[in-house]
Amino acid sequence: MVRRPRRKAEETRQDILSMAEMLFRERGFVAVSIADISGALHMSPANVFKHFHSKIALADAIAGRHLDNATERFVADPNLPPKEQLLRFVLRLLEGHLQDIQKSPYIFEMVLSTIEAKLEAGNRYRARIEEKLGEIIREGIAEGSYHCSDPGNAAHTVADLLTCVLHPVLIVRDDKETLVRRAENIVCFVDAALQNSAC
């Protein structure tokens, strides 16, 4: 009898992620167990646990894969004034999040179900947002529009302010027009603060 060649660990890991994501889409995050995922892949639950120690770890990896591919949200607009750069960046993020919720409602369920876990994917995404905000603020300082002694801290504070238009739990309650208007108001407030104070 010819033995099948052993698969690479990364191939198996990606298969598990893809199957888990498909089942979460079909049945919902809460309804799917590790046994369901392993059964659909014709492997033992122990094999899934070898790659992902829990369903929360699986959710984190799926979210990470999704968010790491969302590079179009971080495209630069270097020829625009800082306020316009901020606004375009925030509106791209908001639009992306609204599309995520519409196309993949299971993502919202995953966020709700794992909110206490403070997933690494969410932390990395937040860090990317702060990094981009910091870049825009530094450009504003360099051109003399903004007056800020600690751009990193300012970026952290701006990210906190933007939570109400970026966090899935908060944006799902409002219509797009309301969220866009709120984002515009926050950017106006931030732009005025950065122009008029040494933060």
N, C-alpha and C. Protein backbone atom coordinates (compact mmCIF):
# COMPACT_ATOMS: atom_id res chain seq x y z
N MET A 1 0.84 -1.18 0.00
CA MET A 1 0.00 0.00 0.00
C MET A 1 0.89 1.25 0.00
N VAL A 2 0.57 2.20 -0.87
CA VAL A 2 1.36 3.43 -0.97
C VAL A 2 0.83 4.43 0.05
N ARG A 3 1.74 4.97 0.85
CA ARG A 3 1.33 5.96 1.85
C ARG A 3 1.27 7.33 1.21
N ARG A 4 0.25 8.10 1.61
CA ARG A 4 0.16 9.47 1.12
C ARG A 4 1.27 10.31 1.74
N PRO A 5 1.85 11.21 0.96
CA PRO A 5 2.88 12.06 1.54
C PRO A 5 2.29 12.96 2.63
N ARG A 6 3.08 13.20 3.66
CA ARG A 6 2.62 14.04 4.76
C ARG A 6 2.53 15.48 4.31
N ARG A 7 1.47 16.14 4.73
CA ARG A 7 1.29 17.55 4.38
C ARG A 7 2.13 18.42 5.29
N LYS A 8 2.52 19.55 4.79
CA LYS A 8 3.25 20.50 5.60
C LYS A 8 2.30 21.09 6.64
N ALA A 9 2.85 21.42 7.79
CA ALA A 9 2.04 21.95 8.89
C ALA A 9 1.29 23.21 8.47
N GLU A 10 1.94 24.08 7.70
CA GLU A 10 1.29 25.33 7.29
C GLU A 10 0.12 25.07 6.35
N GLU A 11 0.23 24.04 5.49
CA GLU A 11 -0.89 23.69 4.61
C GLU A 11 -2.08 23.22 5.42
N THR A 12 -1.80 22.37 6.41
CA THR A 12 -2.87 21.88 7.28
C THR A 12 -3.51 23.03 8.04
N ARG A 13 -2.69 23.93 8.54
CA ARG A 13 -3.19 25.09 9.28
C ARG A 13 -4.12 25.94 8.41
N GLN A 14 -3.71 26.17 7.17
CA GLN A 14 -4.53 26.98 6.26
C GLN A 14 -5.84 26.26 5.91
N ASP A 15 -5.77 24.94 5.76
CA ASP A 15 -6.99 24.16 5.50
C ASP A 15 -7.98 24.29 6.67
N ILE A 16 -7.44 24.21 7.89
CA ILE A 16 -8.28 24.34 9.08
C ILE A 16 -8.93 25.72 9.12
N LEU A 17 -8.13 26.76 8.86
CA LEU A 17 -8.66 28.13 8.86
C LEU A 17 -9.76 28.30 7.82
N SER A 18 -9.51 27.80 6.63
CA SER A 18 -10.49 27.96 5.55
C SER A 18 -11.79 27.23 5.85
N MET A 19 -11.68 26.01 6.38
CA MET A 19 -12.87 25.23 6.71
C MET A 19 -13.63 25.89 7.87
N ALA A 20 -12.90 26.34 8.88
CA ALA A 20 -13.54 27.00 10.02
C ALA A 20 -14.29 28.24 9.56
N GLU A 21 -13.65 29.04 8.71
CA GLU A 21 -14.29 30.25 8.22
C GLU A 21 -15.55 29.92 7.43
N MET A 22 -15.48 28.90 6.59
CA MET A 22 -16.64 28.50 5.79
C MET A 22 -17.80 28.06 6.70
N LEU A 23 -17.47 27.25 7.72
CA LEU A 23 -18.52 26.77 8.63
C LEU A 23 -19.09 27.91 9.48
N PHE A 24 -18.22 28.83 9.90
CA PHE A 24 -18.71 29.99 10.66
C PHE A 24 -19.67 30.81 9.81
N ARG A 25 -19.33 30.96 8.53
CA ARG A 25 -20.22 31.71 7.61
C ARG A 25 -21.57 31.01 7.48
N GLU A 26 -21.54 29.68 7.35
CA GLU A 26 -22.77 28.92 7.11
C GLU A 26 -23.65 28.80 8.35
N ARG A 27 -23.03 28.53 9.50
CA ARG A 27 -23.81 28.19 10.69
C ARG A 27 -23.72 29.21 11.82
N GLY A 28 -22.74 30.11 11.75
CA GLY A 28 -22.52 31.04 12.85
C GLY A 28 -21.40 30.55 13.75
N PHE A 29 -20.70 31.49 14.34
CA PHE A 29 -19.52 31.17 15.15
C PHE A 29 -19.87 30.30 16.35
N VAL A 30 -20.92 30.66 17.07
CA VAL A 30 -21.27 29.96 18.30
C VAL A 30 -21.69 28.52 18.03
N ALA A 31 -22.37 28.28 16.90
CA ALA A 31 -22.93 26.95 16.60
C ALA A 31 -21.88 25.94 16.15
N VAL A 32 -20.71 26.39 15.75
CA VAL A 32 -19.69 25.48 15.20
C VAL A 32 -18.69 25.10 16.29
N SER A 33 -18.41 23.81 16.39
CA SER A 33 -17.44 23.32 17.37
C SER A 33 -16.15 22.88 16.66
N ILE A 34 -15.13 22.67 17.46
CA ILE A 34 -13.87 22.13 16.91
C ILE A 34 -14.13 20.76 16.28
N ALA A 35 -15.01 19.97 16.89
CA ALA A 35 -15.36 18.65 16.34
C ALA A 35 -16.01 18.79 14.97
N ASP A 36 -16.84 19.81 14.78
CA ASP A 36 -17.45 20.04 13.47
C ASP A 36 -16.38 20.33 12.42
N ILE A 37 -15.41 21.16 12.80
CA ILE A 37 -14.35 21.55 11.86
C ILE A 37 -13.48 20.34 11.53
N SER A 38 -13.09 19.59 12.54
CA SER A 38 -12.23 18.42 12.30
C SER A 38 -12.97 17.36 11.48
N GLY A 39 -14.27 17.17 11.78
CA GLY A 39 -15.05 16.18 11.03
C GLY A 39 -15.16 16.55 9.56
N ALA A 40 -15.36 17.84 9.27
CA ALA A 40 -15.47 18.28 7.87
C ALA A 40 -14.16 18.10 7.12
N LEU A 41 -13.05 18.07 7.86
CA LEU A 41 -11.72 17.90 7.24
C LEU A 41 -11.23 16.45 7.32
N HIS A 42 -12.05 15.57 7.90
CA HIS A 42 -11.69 14.15 8.07
C HIS A 42 -10.37 14.01 8.84
N MET A 43 -10.31 14.75 9.93
CA MET A 43 -9.15 14.63 10.82
C MET A 43 -9.65 14.60 12.26
N SER A 44 -8.78 14.30 13.18
CA SER A 44 -9.19 14.24 14.58
C SER A 44 -9.21 15.63 15.18
N PRO A 45 -10.06 15.86 16.19
CA PRO A 45 -10.03 17.14 16.90
C PRO A 45 -8.64 17.46 17.45
N ALA A 46 -7.92 16.42 17.86
CA ALA A 46 -6.56 16.64 18.39
C ALA A 46 -5.67 17.31 17.36
N ASN A 47 -5.87 16.98 16.08
CA ASN A 47 -5.05 17.58 15.02
C ASN A 47 -5.36 19.08 14.89
N VAL A 48 -6.64 19.43 15.04
CA VAL A 48 -7.00 20.85 15.02
C VAL A 48 -6.38 21.56 16.22
N PHE A 49 -6.50 20.93 17.40
CA PHE A 49 -5.95 21.54 18.62
C PHE A 49 -4.43 21.66 18.57
N LYS A 50 -3.80 20.82 17.77
CA LYS A 50 -2.34 20.92 17.63
C LYS A 50 -1.96 22.26 16.99
N HIS A 51 -2.82 22.76 16.11
CA HIS A 51 -2.54 24.02 15.40
C HIS A 51 -3.20 25.23 16.07
N PHE A 52 -4.35 25.01 16.70
CA PHE A 52 -5.10 26.09 17.34
C PHE A 52 -5.61 25.58 18.68
N HIS A 53 -5.13 26.15 19.77
CA HIS A 53 -5.42 25.59 21.09
C HIS A 53 -6.87 25.80 21.54
N SER A 54 -7.64 26.63 20.80
CA SER A 54 -9.04 26.85 21.16
C SER A 54 -9.78 27.45 19.98
N LYS A 55 -11.10 27.52 20.10
CA LYS A 55 -11.90 28.16 19.07
C LYS A 55 -11.61 29.66 19.02
N ILE A 56 -11.28 30.24 20.17
CA ILE A 56 -10.90 31.66 20.22
C ILE A 56 -9.63 31.89 19.40
N ALA A 57 -8.66 30.97 19.52
CA ALA A 57 -7.42 31.09 18.74
C ALA A 57 -7.71 31.00 17.25
N LEU A 58 -8.66 30.15 16.88
CA LEU A 58 -9.08 30.06 15.48
C LEU A 58 -9.69 31.38 15.01
N ALA A 59 -10.56 31.95 15.84
CA ALA A 59 -11.19 33.24 15.50
C ALA A 59 -10.13 34.31 15.32
N ASP A 60 -9.13 34.30 16.19
CA ASP A 60 -8.05 35.29 16.11
C ASP A 60 -7.29 35.15 14.80
N ALA A 61 -6.99 33.92 14.42
CA ALA A 61 -6.24 33.68 13.18
C ALA A 61 -7.06 34.06 11.95
N ILE A 62 -8.36 33.78 11.96
CA ILE A 62 -9.22 34.17 10.84
C ILE A 62 -9.29 35.68 10.73
N ALA A 63 -9.50 36.34 11.86
CA ALA A 63 -9.55 37.81 11.87
C ALA A 63 -8.22 38.39 11.40
N GLY A 64 -7.12 37.80 11.86
CA GLY A 64 -5.80 38.27 11.45
C GLY A 64 -5.58 38.15 9.96
N ARG A 65 -5.98 37.02 9.40
CA ARG A 65 -5.84 36.81 7.96
C ARG A 65 -6.67 37.83 7.19
N HIS A 66 -7.87 38.08 7.66
CA HIS A 66 -8.76 39.03 7.00
C HIS A 66 -8.21 40.45 7.11
N LEU A 67 -7.83 40.86 8.30
CA LEU A 67 -7.38 42.24 8.51
C LEU A 67 -6.03 42.51 7.86
N ASP A 68 -5.16 41.50 7.83
CA ASP A 68 -3.86 41.68 7.19
C ASP A 68 -4.00 41.88 5.69
N ASN A 69 -5.10 41.39 5.12
CA ASN A 69 -5.34 41.56 3.68
C ASN A 69 -6.04 42.88 3.34
N ALA A 70 -6.39 43.66 4.36
CA ALA A 70 -7.14 44.89 4.14
C ALA A 70 -6.19 46.08 3.91
N THR A 71 -5.20 45.88 3.04
CA THR A 71 -4.17 46.90 2.85
C THR A 71 -4.69 48.15 2.15
N GLU A 72 -5.77 48.01 1.37
CA GLU A 72 -6.28 49.16 0.63
C GLU A 72 -6.81 50.23 1.59
N ARG A 73 -7.10 49.85 2.82
CA ARG A 73 -7.58 50.83 3.80
C ARG A 73 -6.46 51.75 4.28
N PHE A 74 -5.22 51.37 4.04
CA PHE A 74 -4.09 52.12 4.56
C PHE A 74 -3.30 52.83 3.46
N VAL A 75 -3.92 53.01 2.31
CA VAL A 75 -3.28 53.70 1.19
C VAL A 75 -3.05 55.15 1.57
N ALA A 76 -1.90 55.70 1.19
CA ALA A 76 -1.55 57.08 1.53
C ALA A 76 -2.15 58.07 0.54
N ASP A 77 -2.45 59.27 1.03
CA ASP A 77 -2.90 60.39 0.19
C ASP A 77 -1.95 61.57 0.44
N PRO A 78 -0.67 61.44 0.08
CA PRO A 78 0.35 62.40 0.52
C PRO A 78 0.20 63.82 -0.03
N ASN A 79 -0.51 64.01 -1.11
CA ASN A 79 -0.61 65.35 -1.70
C ASN A 79 -1.77 66.17 -1.14
N LEU A 80 -2.52 65.60 -0.22
CA LEU A 80 -3.67 66.31 0.36
C LEU A 80 -3.28 66.97 1.68
N PRO A 81 -4.00 68.02 2.08
CA PRO A 81 -3.77 68.61 3.40
C PRO A 81 -4.04 67.57 4.49
N PRO A 82 -3.42 67.71 5.67
CA PRO A 82 -3.58 66.70 6.73
C PRO A 82 -5.02 66.41 7.10
N LYS A 83 -5.86 67.45 7.18
CA LYS A 83 -7.27 67.21 7.55
C LYS A 83 -7.94 66.31 6.53
N GLU A 84 -7.70 66.55 5.25
CA GLU A 84 -8.31 65.74 4.20
C GLU A 84 -7.75 64.31 4.23
N GLN A 85 -6.45 64.18 4.52
CA GLN A 85 -5.87 62.84 4.66
C GLN A 85 -6.54 62.08 5.80
N LEU A 86 -6.71 62.77 6.93
CA LEU A 86 -7.36 62.13 8.08
C LEU A 86 -8.77 61.67 7.72
N LEU A 87 -9.53 62.56 7.08
CA LEU A 87 -10.90 62.24 6.75
C LEU A 87 -10.99 61.07 5.77
N ARG A 88 -10.18 61.10 4.74
CA ARG A 88 -10.21 60.00 3.76
C ARG A 88 -9.83 58.67 4.40
N PHE A 89 -8.82 58.71 5.27
CA PHE A 89 -8.38 57.49 5.95
C PHE A 89 -9.51 56.93 6.82
N VAL A 90 -10.13 57.79 7.61
CA VAL A 90 -11.20 57.34 8.51
C VAL A 90 -12.39 56.81 7.71
N LEU A 91 -12.75 57.50 6.63
CA LEU A 91 -13.89 57.05 5.83
C LEU A 91 -13.60 55.73 5.11
N ARG A 92 -12.33 55.51 4.69
CA ARG A 92 -11.97 54.22 4.09
C ARG A 92 -12.11 53.10 5.12
N LEU A 93 -11.63 53.36 6.34
CA LEU A 93 -11.76 52.35 7.39
C LEU A 93 -13.23 52.06 7.68
N LEU A 94 -14.03 53.12 7.82
CA LEU A 94 -15.45 52.95 8.11
C LEU A 94 -16.14 52.16 7.00
N GLU A 95 -15.88 52.52 5.75
CA GLU A 95 -16.49 51.81 4.62
C GLU A 95 -16.08 50.34 4.63
N GLY A 96 -14.81 50.07 4.89
CA GLY A 96 -14.34 48.69 4.96
C GLY A 96 -15.03 47.90 6.05
N HIS A 97 -15.21 48.51 7.22
CA HIS A 97 -15.85 47.83 8.33
C HIS A 97 -17.33 47.56 8.03
N LEU A 98 -17.99 48.54 7.41
CA LEU A 98 -19.40 48.33 7.04
C LEU A 98 -19.54 47.21 6.02
N GLN A 99 -18.63 47.15 5.06
CA GLN A 99 -18.66 46.06 4.07
C GLN A 99 -18.40 44.71 4.74
N ASP A 100 -17.46 44.69 5.70
CA ASP A 100 -17.18 43.45 6.42
C ASP A 100 -18.44 42.92 7.10
N ILE A 101 -19.15 43.83 7.76
CA ILE A 101 -20.35 43.42 8.50
C ILE A 101 -21.44 42.94 7.54
N GLN A 102 -21.56 43.62 6.40
CA GLN A 102 -22.60 43.24 5.43
C GLN A 102 -22.27 41.92 4.74
N LYS A 103 -21.01 41.77 4.29
CA LYS A 103 -20.63 40.57 3.56
C LYS A 103 -20.47 39.37 4.47
N SER A 104 -20.00 39.61 5.69
CA SER A 104 -19.67 38.51 6.59
C SER A 104 -20.25 38.77 7.97
N PRO A 105 -21.56 38.59 8.15
CA PRO A 105 -22.16 38.86 9.45
C PRO A 105 -21.56 38.02 10.57
N TYR A 106 -20.98 36.86 10.21
CA TYR A 106 -20.37 36.02 11.24
C TYR A 106 -19.20 36.73 11.91
N ILE A 107 -18.56 37.68 11.20
CA ILE A 107 -17.45 38.43 11.80
C ILE A 107 -17.97 39.20 13.01
N PHE A 108 -19.15 39.80 12.88
CA PHE A 108 -19.74 40.54 13.98
C PHE A 108 -20.00 39.60 15.16
N GLU A 109 -20.52 38.41 14.86
CA GLU A 109 -20.77 37.44 15.93
C GLU A 109 -19.46 37.02 16.59
N MET A 110 -18.40 36.84 15.78
CA MET A 110 -17.10 36.50 16.34
C MET A 110 -16.60 37.60 17.27
N VAL A 111 -16.75 38.87 16.85
CA VAL A 111 -16.30 39.99 17.68
C VAL A 111 -17.06 39.98 19.01
N LEU A 112 -18.37 39.81 18.95
CA LEU A 112 -19.17 39.79 20.18
C LEU A 112 -18.78 38.62 21.08
N SER A 113 -18.56 37.46 20.47
CA SER A 113 -18.28 36.25 21.24
C SER A 113 -16.88 36.24 21.83
N THR A 114 -15.98 37.00 21.25
CA THR A 114 -14.58 36.96 21.69
C THR A 114 -14.11 38.28 22.27
N ILE A 115 -15.03 39.20 22.55
CA ILE A 115 -14.64 40.55 22.94
C ILE A 115 -13.80 40.58 24.22
N GLU A 116 -14.05 39.65 25.12
CA GLU A 116 -13.28 39.60 26.37
C GLU A 116 -11.86 39.11 26.14
N ALA A 117 -11.63 38.42 25.02
CA ALA A 117 -10.33 37.78 24.79
C ALA A 117 -9.24 38.75 24.35
N LYS A 118 -9.62 39.96 23.93
CA LYS A 118 -8.65 40.94 23.44
C LYS A 118 -7.69 40.28 22.44
N LEU A 119 -8.23 39.90 21.31
CA LEU A 119 -7.50 39.12 20.34
C LEU A 119 -6.30 39.87 19.76
N GLU A 120 -5.26 39.12 19.48
CA GLU A 120 -4.02 39.69 18.95
C GLU A 120 -4.26 40.37 17.60
N ALA A 121 -5.13 39.80 16.78
CA ALA A 121 -5.42 40.39 15.47
C ALA A 121 -5.99 41.80 15.64
N GLY A 122 -6.88 41.97 16.60
CA GLY A 122 -7.44 43.29 16.87
C GLY A 122 -6.39 44.27 17.36
N ASN A 123 -5.49 43.79 18.21
CA ASN A 123 -4.40 44.64 18.70
C ASN A 123 -3.48 45.08 17.56
N ARG A 124 -3.18 44.15 16.65
CA ARG A 124 -2.32 44.48 15.51
C ARG A 124 -2.99 45.49 14.59
N TYR A 125 -4.29 45.31 14.37
CA TYR A 125 -5.04 46.22 13.51
C TYR A 125 -5.09 47.61 14.13
N ARG A 126 -5.33 47.67 15.41
CA ARG A 126 -5.33 48.95 16.12
C ARG A 126 -3.96 49.62 16.00
N ALA A 127 -2.89 48.84 16.13
CA ALA A 127 -1.53 49.40 16.01
C ALA A 127 -1.31 49.97 14.61
N ARG A 128 -1.83 49.28 13.58
CA ARG A 128 -1.70 49.80 12.21
C ARG A 128 -2.45 51.11 12.04
N ILE A 129 -3.63 51.20 12.64
CA ILE A 129 -4.41 52.44 12.57
C ILE A 129 -3.64 53.58 13.25
N GLU A 130 -3.11 53.31 14.44
CA GLU A 130 -2.35 54.34 15.16
C GLU A 130 -1.10 54.75 14.39
N GLU A 131 -0.46 53.78 13.76
CA GLU A 131 0.75 54.09 12.97
C GLU A 131 0.41 55.04 11.82
N LYS A 132 -0.69 54.75 11.12
CA LYS A 132 -1.10 55.60 10.00
C LYS A 132 -1.52 56.98 10.48
N LEU A 133 -2.27 57.05 11.58
CA LEU A 133 -2.64 58.35 12.14
C LEU A 133 -1.39 59.14 12.53
N GLY A 134 -0.41 58.45 13.11
CA GLY A 134 0.84 59.11 13.48
C GLY A 134 1.57 59.67 12.27
N GLU A 135 1.56 58.92 11.17
CA GLU A 135 2.20 59.42 9.94
C GLU A 135 1.54 60.71 9.47
N ILE A 136 0.21 60.74 9.46
CA ILE A 136 -0.51 61.93 9.00
C ILE A 136 -0.24 63.10 9.92
N ILE A 137 -0.24 62.85 11.23
CA ILE A 137 0.03 63.93 12.19
C ILE A 137 1.45 64.46 12.01
N ARG A 138 2.41 63.57 11.81
CA ARG A 138 3.80 64.01 11.61
C ARG A 138 3.95 64.84 10.34
N GLU A 139 3.23 64.45 9.28
CA GLU A 139 3.26 65.25 8.05
C GLU A 139 2.69 66.64 8.31
N GLY A 140 1.61 66.70 9.10
CA GLY A 140 1.02 67.99 9.44
C GLY A 140 1.97 68.85 10.25
N ILE A 141 2.74 68.23 11.13
CA ILE A 141 3.74 68.96 11.92
C ILE A 141 4.84 69.48 11.00
N ALA A 142 5.30 68.62 10.10
CA ALA A 142 6.40 68.99 9.19
C ALA A 142 6.03 70.17 8.30
N GLU A 143 4.78 70.25 7.90
CA GLU A 143 4.38 71.35 7.02
C GLU A 143 3.90 72.57 7.80
N GLY A 144 3.87 72.46 9.13
CA GLY A 144 3.52 73.61 9.96
C GLY A 144 2.05 73.75 10.28
N SER A 145 1.21 72.81 9.83
CA SER A 145 -0.23 72.88 10.12
C SER A 145 -0.56 72.46 11.54
N TYR A 146 0.15 71.44 12.02
CA TYR A 146 -0.12 70.90 13.35
C TYR A 146 1.00 71.25 14.31
N HIS A 147 0.64 71.39 15.57
CA HIS A 147 1.59 71.71 16.64
C HIS A 147 1.42 70.65 17.72
N CYS A 148 2.31 69.71 17.72
CA CYS A 148 2.14 68.55 18.60
C CYS A 148 3.52 68.04 19.02
N SER A 149 3.74 67.95 20.33
CA SER A 149 5.05 67.50 20.81
C SER A 149 5.17 65.98 20.88
N ASP A 150 4.04 65.27 20.88
CA ASP A 150 4.08 63.81 20.99
C ASP A 150 3.08 63.19 20.01
N PRO A 151 3.50 63.06 18.74
CA PRO A 151 2.57 62.53 17.72
C PRO A 151 2.06 61.12 18.03
N GLY A 152 2.90 60.31 18.66
CA GLY A 152 2.47 58.94 19.00
C GLY A 152 1.31 58.95 19.98
N ASN A 153 1.42 59.77 21.01
CA ASN A 153 0.35 59.87 21.99
C ASN A 153 -0.90 60.48 21.36
N ALA A 154 -0.71 61.47 20.49
CA ALA A 154 -1.84 62.09 19.79
C ALA A 154 -2.56 61.04 18.93
N ALA A 155 -1.79 60.21 18.22
CA ALA A 155 -2.38 59.17 17.38
C ALA A 155 -3.19 58.18 18.22
N HIS A 156 -2.67 57.84 19.39
CA HIS A 156 -3.37 56.93 20.31
C HIS A 156 -4.70 57.54 20.74
N THR A 157 -4.68 58.82 21.08
CA THR A 157 -5.89 59.52 21.52
C THR A 157 -6.92 59.62 20.39
N VAL A 158 -6.43 59.94 19.18
CA VAL A 158 -7.33 60.03 18.03
C VAL A 158 -7.97 58.67 17.75
N ALA A 159 -7.19 57.60 17.85
CA ALA A 159 -7.75 56.26 17.64
C ALA A 159 -8.85 55.97 18.67
N ASP A 160 -8.63 56.41 19.91
CA ASP A 160 -9.68 56.24 20.93
C ASP A 160 -10.96 56.98 20.53
N LEU A 161 -10.80 58.22 20.05
CA LEU A 161 -11.96 59.02 19.64
C LEU A 161 -12.72 58.36 18.49
N LEU A 162 -11.97 57.70 17.60
CA LEU A 162 -12.58 57.11 16.41
C LEU A 162 -13.28 55.78 16.67
N THR A 163 -13.14 55.25 17.88
CA THR A 163 -13.77 53.97 18.20
C THR A 163 -15.26 53.97 17.88
N CYS A 164 -15.93 55.10 18.12
CA CYS A 164 -17.39 55.15 17.92
C CYS A 164 -17.78 55.06 16.45
N VAL A 165 -16.82 55.22 15.52
CA VAL A 165 -17.15 55.06 14.10
C VAL A 165 -16.37 53.90 13.46
N LEU A 166 -15.63 53.14 14.27
CA LEU A 166 -14.84 52.05 13.71
C LEU A 166 -15.10 50.70 14.37
N HIS A 167 -15.51 50.68 15.64
CA HIS A 167 -15.69 49.39 16.31
C HIS A 167 -16.97 48.72 15.84
N PRO A 168 -16.90 47.45 15.42
CA PRO A 168 -18.08 46.76 14.89
C PRO A 168 -19.29 46.78 15.82
N VAL A 169 -19.05 46.65 17.12
CA VAL A 169 -20.16 46.64 18.07
C VAL A 169 -20.88 47.98 18.10
N LEU A 170 -20.15 49.06 17.89
CA LEU A 170 -20.74 50.40 17.96
C LEU A 170 -21.34 50.86 16.62
N ILE A 171 -20.74 50.46 15.51
CA ILE A 171 -21.23 50.97 14.22
C ILE A 171 -22.42 50.21 13.68
N VAL A 172 -22.67 49.01 14.19
CA VAL A 172 -23.77 48.21 13.66
C VAL A 172 -25.13 48.81 14.01
N ARG A 173 -25.16 49.70 15.00
CA ARG A 173 -26.44 50.26 15.45
C ARG A 173 -26.91 51.44 14.61
N ASP A 174 -26.01 52.07 13.85
CA ASP A 174 -26.35 53.30 13.14
C ASP A 174 -26.29 53.12 11.63
N ASP A 175 -26.99 54.00 10.91
CA ASP A 175 -26.94 53.96 9.45
C ASP A 175 -25.66 54.65 8.97
N LYS A 176 -25.31 54.38 7.72
CA LYS A 176 -24.05 54.87 7.17
C LYS A 176 -23.99 56.40 7.18
N GLU A 177 -25.08 57.05 6.85
CA GLU A 177 -25.09 58.52 6.80
C GLU A 177 -24.75 59.13 8.16
N THR A 178 -25.31 58.56 9.22
CA THR A 178 -25.03 59.03 10.58
C THR A 178 -23.57 58.82 10.93
N LEU A 179 -23.04 57.66 10.57
CA LEU A 179 -21.64 57.34 10.88
C LEU A 179 -20.68 58.24 10.13
N VAL A 180 -20.98 58.52 8.86
CA VAL A 180 -20.12 59.40 8.07
C VAL A 180 -20.12 60.80 8.67
N ARG A 181 -21.30 61.29 9.02
CA ARG A 181 -21.40 62.63 9.62
C ARG A 181 -20.63 62.68 10.94
N ARG A 182 -20.74 61.63 11.75
CA ARG A 182 -20.01 61.57 13.02
C ARG A 182 -18.50 61.56 12.77
N ALA A 183 -18.07 60.79 11.77
CA ALA A 183 -16.64 60.73 11.44
C ALA A 183 -16.14 62.10 11.00
N GLU A 184 -16.92 62.79 10.18
CA GLU A 184 -16.53 64.13 9.72
C GLU A 184 -16.40 65.09 10.90
N ASN A 185 -17.33 65.02 11.84
CA ASN A 185 -17.28 65.90 13.01
C ASN A 185 -16.06 65.61 13.88
N ILE A 186 -15.75 64.33 14.04
CA ILE A 186 -14.58 63.97 14.85
C ILE A 186 -13.30 64.47 14.18
N VAL A 187 -13.19 64.30 12.86
CA VAL A 187 -12.00 64.76 12.15
C VAL A 187 -11.87 66.27 12.25
N CYS A 188 -12.97 67.01 12.14
CA CYS A 188 -12.93 68.47 12.31
C CYS A 188 -12.42 68.84 13.70
N PHE A 189 -12.92 68.15 14.70
CA PHE A 189 -12.51 68.40 16.08
C PHE A 189 -11.02 68.10 16.27
N VAL A 190 -10.58 66.97 15.77
CA VAL A 190 -9.17 66.57 15.89
C VAL A 190 -8.27 67.54 15.14
N ASP A 191 -8.66 67.92 13.93
CA ASP A 191 -7.86 68.84 13.14
C ASP A 191 -7.71 70.18 13.87
N ALA A 192 -8.79 70.70 14.44
CA ALA A 192 -8.72 71.96 15.18
C ALA A 192 -7.82 71.81 16.42
N ALA A 193 -7.94 70.70 17.12
CA ALA A 193 -7.11 70.48 18.30
C ALA A 193 -5.63 70.42 17.95
N LEU A 194 -5.31 69.73 16.86
CA LEU A 194 -3.90 69.58 16.46
C LEU A 194 -3.32 70.90 15.97
N GLN A 195 -4.16 71.76 15.43
CA GLN A 195 -3.69 73.06 14.96
C GLN A 195 -3.45 74.03 16.12
N ASN A 196 -4.22 73.88 17.19
CA ASN A 196 -4.25 74.92 18.21
C ASN A 196 -3.68 74.54 19.56
N SER A 197 -3.14 73.34 19.68
CA SER A 197 -2.59 72.96 21.00
C SER A 197 -1.32 72.15 20.82
N ALA A 198 -0.47 72.25 21.80
CA ALA A 198 0.77 71.45 21.82
C ALA A 198 0.49 70.16 22.58
N CYS A 199 -0.13 69.20 21.90
CA CYS A 199 -0.54 67.95 22.56
C CYS A 199 0.67 67.06 22.85
